[in-house]
Amino acid sequence: MNYSPKRIIQLLKKKGYVLKRTSGSHHIYYHSELKKTIVVPVHGNKNIPKGTFMSILKQADIGKEEI
C-alpha cells in the first residue's frame, strides 16, 4: 500500500477538504461543512508511518475501501 503524503492529500481533496495553511512541514486541511481540521505531515518524499496514515483516514471518515 502507498503511504505517501501525496496519496492522503488526494483522498482528502476528493472528500472536500481544502488546504487552509502550512505550518513548517505540516499541511492543515479544513472541511467547512463538517467543521473538521486534519493535519498531514509532509516530510519530503518520506512515507507516513502506517499507524499515522490510518489515524488520519479515521479522523477524516475515509474508509479503507476508499483508498
N, C-alpha and C. Protein backbone atom coordinates (compact mmCIF):
# COMPACT_ATOMS: atom_id res chain seq x y z
N MET A 1 0.85 -1.18 0.00
CA MET A 1 0.00 0.00 0.00
C MET A 1 0.89 1.24 0.00
N ASN A 2 0.39 2.28 -0.61
CA ASN A 2 1.12 3.54 -0.73
C ASN A 2 0.76 4.45 0.46
N TYR A 3 1.74 4.73 1.33
CA TYR A 3 1.51 5.57 2.50
C TYR A 3 2.11 6.95 2.32
N SER A 4 2.13 7.45 1.10
CA SER A 4 2.74 8.76 0.84
C SER A 4 1.79 9.89 1.21
N PRO A 5 2.35 11.05 1.57
CA PRO A 5 1.51 12.20 1.86
C PRO A 5 0.68 12.64 0.65
N LYS A 6 1.23 12.47 -0.55
CA LYS A 6 0.50 12.83 -1.77
C LYS A 6 -0.80 12.05 -1.87
N ARG A 7 -0.75 10.77 -1.54
CA ARG A 7 -1.94 9.91 -1.64
C ARG A 7 -3.02 10.35 -0.65
N ILE A 8 -2.64 10.64 0.57
CA ILE A 8 -3.64 11.04 1.56
C ILE A 8 -4.22 12.42 1.22
N ILE A 9 -3.39 13.29 0.65
CA ILE A 9 -3.87 14.61 0.24
C ILE A 9 -4.90 14.47 -0.88
N GLN A 10 -4.66 13.55 -1.82
CA GLN A 10 -5.62 13.30 -2.90
C GLN A 10 -6.96 12.83 -2.32
N LEU A 11 -6.89 11.93 -1.35
CA LEU A 11 -8.11 11.41 -0.73
C LEU A 11 -8.86 12.52 0.01
N LEU A 12 -8.13 13.39 0.71
CA LEU A 12 -8.77 14.48 1.44
C LEU A 12 -9.45 15.46 0.48
N LYS A 13 -8.77 15.82 -0.60
CA LYS A 13 -9.34 16.75 -1.58
C LYS A 13 -10.59 16.15 -2.22
N LYS A 14 -10.56 14.85 -2.47
CA LYS A 14 -11.71 14.16 -3.05
C LYS A 14 -12.93 14.24 -2.12
N LYS A 15 -12.67 14.24 -0.81
CA LYS A 15 -13.74 14.32 0.20
C LYS A 15 -14.20 15.75 0.46
N GLY A 16 -13.52 16.76 -0.12
CA GLY A 16 -13.95 18.14 0.05
C GLY A 16 -13.09 18.97 0.98
N TYR A 17 -11.97 18.43 1.42
CA TYR A 17 -11.06 19.19 2.28
C TYR A 17 -10.22 20.13 1.42
N VAL A 18 -9.93 21.31 1.94
CA VAL A 18 -9.09 22.28 1.23
C VAL A 18 -7.92 22.67 2.12
N LEU A 19 -6.80 23.00 1.48
CA LEU A 19 -5.62 23.42 2.22
C LEU A 19 -5.88 24.77 2.87
N LYS A 20 -5.83 24.79 4.18
CA LYS A 20 -6.08 26.03 4.91
C LYS A 20 -4.78 26.81 5.10
N ARG A 21 -3.73 26.10 5.53
CA ARG A 21 -2.44 26.75 5.72
C ARG A 21 -1.36 25.68 5.86
N THR A 22 -0.13 26.13 5.88
CA THR A 22 1.01 25.24 6.07
C THR A 22 1.81 25.75 7.26
N SER A 23 2.20 24.84 8.12
CA SER A 23 2.98 25.20 9.29
C SER A 23 4.22 24.31 9.30
N GLY A 24 5.30 24.83 8.75
CA GLY A 24 6.52 24.03 8.65
C GLY A 24 6.32 22.89 7.68
N SER A 25 6.48 21.67 8.16
CA SER A 25 6.32 20.50 7.30
C SER A 25 4.95 19.84 7.47
N HIS A 26 4.00 20.56 8.03
CA HIS A 26 2.65 20.04 8.22
C HIS A 26 1.65 20.87 7.42
N HIS A 27 0.81 20.17 6.66
CA HIS A 27 -0.24 20.83 5.89
C HIS A 27 -1.55 20.66 6.65
N ILE A 28 -2.27 21.74 6.83
CA ILE A 28 -3.53 21.71 7.58
C ILE A 28 -4.68 21.84 6.58
N TYR A 29 -5.53 20.81 6.56
CA TYR A 29 -6.68 20.78 5.65
C TYR A 29 -7.95 20.97 6.47
N TYR A 30 -8.93 21.66 5.86
CA TYR A 30 -10.17 22.00 6.56
C TYR A 30 -11.37 21.69 5.69
N HIS A 31 -12.42 21.17 6.30
CA HIS A 31 -13.69 20.91 5.62
C HIS A 31 -14.73 21.82 6.24
N SER A 32 -15.22 22.79 5.48
CA SER A 32 -16.10 23.82 6.03
C SER A 32 -17.46 23.28 6.48
N GLU A 33 -18.02 22.31 5.77
CA GLU A 33 -19.32 21.78 6.15
C GLU A 33 -19.24 20.91 7.41
N LEU A 34 -18.20 20.09 7.48
CA LEU A 34 -18.04 19.19 8.63
C LEU A 34 -17.36 19.88 9.81
N LYS A 35 -16.76 21.04 9.55
CA LYS A 35 -16.02 21.79 10.57
C LYS A 35 -14.91 20.92 11.18
N LYS A 36 -14.16 20.23 10.31
CA LYS A 36 -13.07 19.36 10.75
C LYS A 36 -11.75 19.86 10.20
N THR A 37 -10.73 19.74 11.01
CA THR A 37 -9.37 20.10 10.62
C THR A 37 -8.51 18.84 10.68
N ILE A 38 -7.75 18.59 9.63
CA ILE A 38 -6.88 17.42 9.54
C ILE A 38 -5.45 17.90 9.28
N VAL A 39 -4.50 17.39 10.04
CA VAL A 39 -3.09 17.75 9.88
C VAL A 39 -2.37 16.59 9.19
N VAL A 40 -1.67 16.92 8.08
CA VAL A 40 -0.93 15.92 7.32
C VAL A 40 0.56 16.26 7.38
N PRO A 41 1.39 15.36 7.94
CA PRO A 41 2.83 15.61 7.95
C PRO A 41 3.42 15.34 6.57
N VAL A 42 4.14 16.32 6.01
CA VAL A 42 4.76 16.18 4.70
C VAL A 42 6.25 16.41 4.88
N HIS A 43 7.00 15.32 4.96
CA HIS A 43 8.44 15.40 5.18
C HIS A 43 9.16 14.95 3.92
N GLY A 44 9.13 15.78 2.90
CA GLY A 44 9.78 15.45 1.64
C GLY A 44 9.13 14.26 0.97
N ASN A 45 9.94 13.32 0.50
CA ASN A 45 9.43 12.12 -0.18
C ASN A 45 9.25 10.94 0.75
N LYS A 46 9.39 11.16 2.06
CA LYS A 46 9.26 10.07 3.03
C LYS A 46 7.79 9.68 3.19
N ASN A 47 7.55 8.38 3.31
CA ASN A 47 6.21 7.90 3.56
C ASN A 47 5.79 8.19 4.99
N ILE A 48 4.49 8.29 5.20
CA ILE A 48 3.92 8.47 6.54
C ILE A 48 3.87 7.08 7.18
N PRO A 49 4.20 6.95 8.47
CA PRO A 49 4.07 5.64 9.13
C PRO A 49 2.63 5.12 9.02
N LYS A 50 2.48 3.80 8.91
CA LYS A 50 1.17 3.18 8.69
C LYS A 50 0.14 3.61 9.73
N GLY A 51 0.52 3.62 11.00
CA GLY A 51 -0.41 3.99 12.06
C GLY A 51 -0.89 5.43 11.93
N THR A 52 0.02 6.33 11.59
CA THR A 52 -0.34 7.73 11.39
C THR A 52 -1.27 7.88 10.19
N PHE A 53 -0.95 7.16 9.11
CA PHE A 53 -1.76 7.20 7.89
C PHE A 53 -3.19 6.76 8.20
N MET A 54 -3.31 5.63 8.91
CA MET A 54 -4.64 5.10 9.24
C MET A 54 -5.39 6.03 10.19
N SER A 55 -4.67 6.67 11.10
CA SER A 55 -5.28 7.61 12.04
C SER A 55 -5.84 8.83 11.29
N ILE A 56 -5.11 9.32 10.31
CA ILE A 56 -5.59 10.46 9.52
C ILE A 56 -6.84 10.06 8.75
N LEU A 57 -6.85 8.86 8.19
CA LEU A 57 -8.04 8.38 7.47
C LEU A 57 -9.24 8.30 8.41
N LYS A 58 -9.02 7.81 9.62
CA LYS A 58 -10.10 7.68 10.60
C LYS A 58 -10.65 9.05 10.99
N GLN A 59 -9.76 10.02 11.21
CA GLN A 59 -10.19 11.38 11.56
C GLN A 59 -11.02 12.00 10.45
N ALA A 60 -10.68 11.69 9.20
CA ALA A 60 -11.36 12.28 8.05
C ALA A 60 -12.58 11.46 7.61
N ASP A 61 -12.90 10.38 8.34
CA ASP A 61 -14.01 9.49 8.00
C ASP A 61 -13.86 8.90 6.61
N ILE A 62 -12.65 8.48 6.27
CA ILE A 62 -12.39 7.82 5.00
C ILE A 62 -12.19 6.34 5.29
N GLY A 63 -13.02 5.51 4.69
CA GLY A 63 -12.93 4.06 4.92
C GLY A 63 -11.81 3.42 4.15
N LYS A 64 -11.39 2.23 4.58
CA LYS A 64 -10.30 1.51 3.92
C LYS A 64 -10.66 1.17 2.48
N GLU A 65 -11.94 0.98 2.20
CA GLU A 65 -12.36 0.63 0.83
C GLU A 65 -12.23 1.81 -0.13
N GLU A 66 -12.11 3.02 0.39
CA GLU A 66 -11.97 4.21 -0.47
C GLU A 66 -10.53 4.52 -0.83
N ILE A 67 -9.58 3.76 -0.27
CA ILE A 67 -8.18 4.04 -0.52
C ILE A 67 -7.80 3.68 -1.94
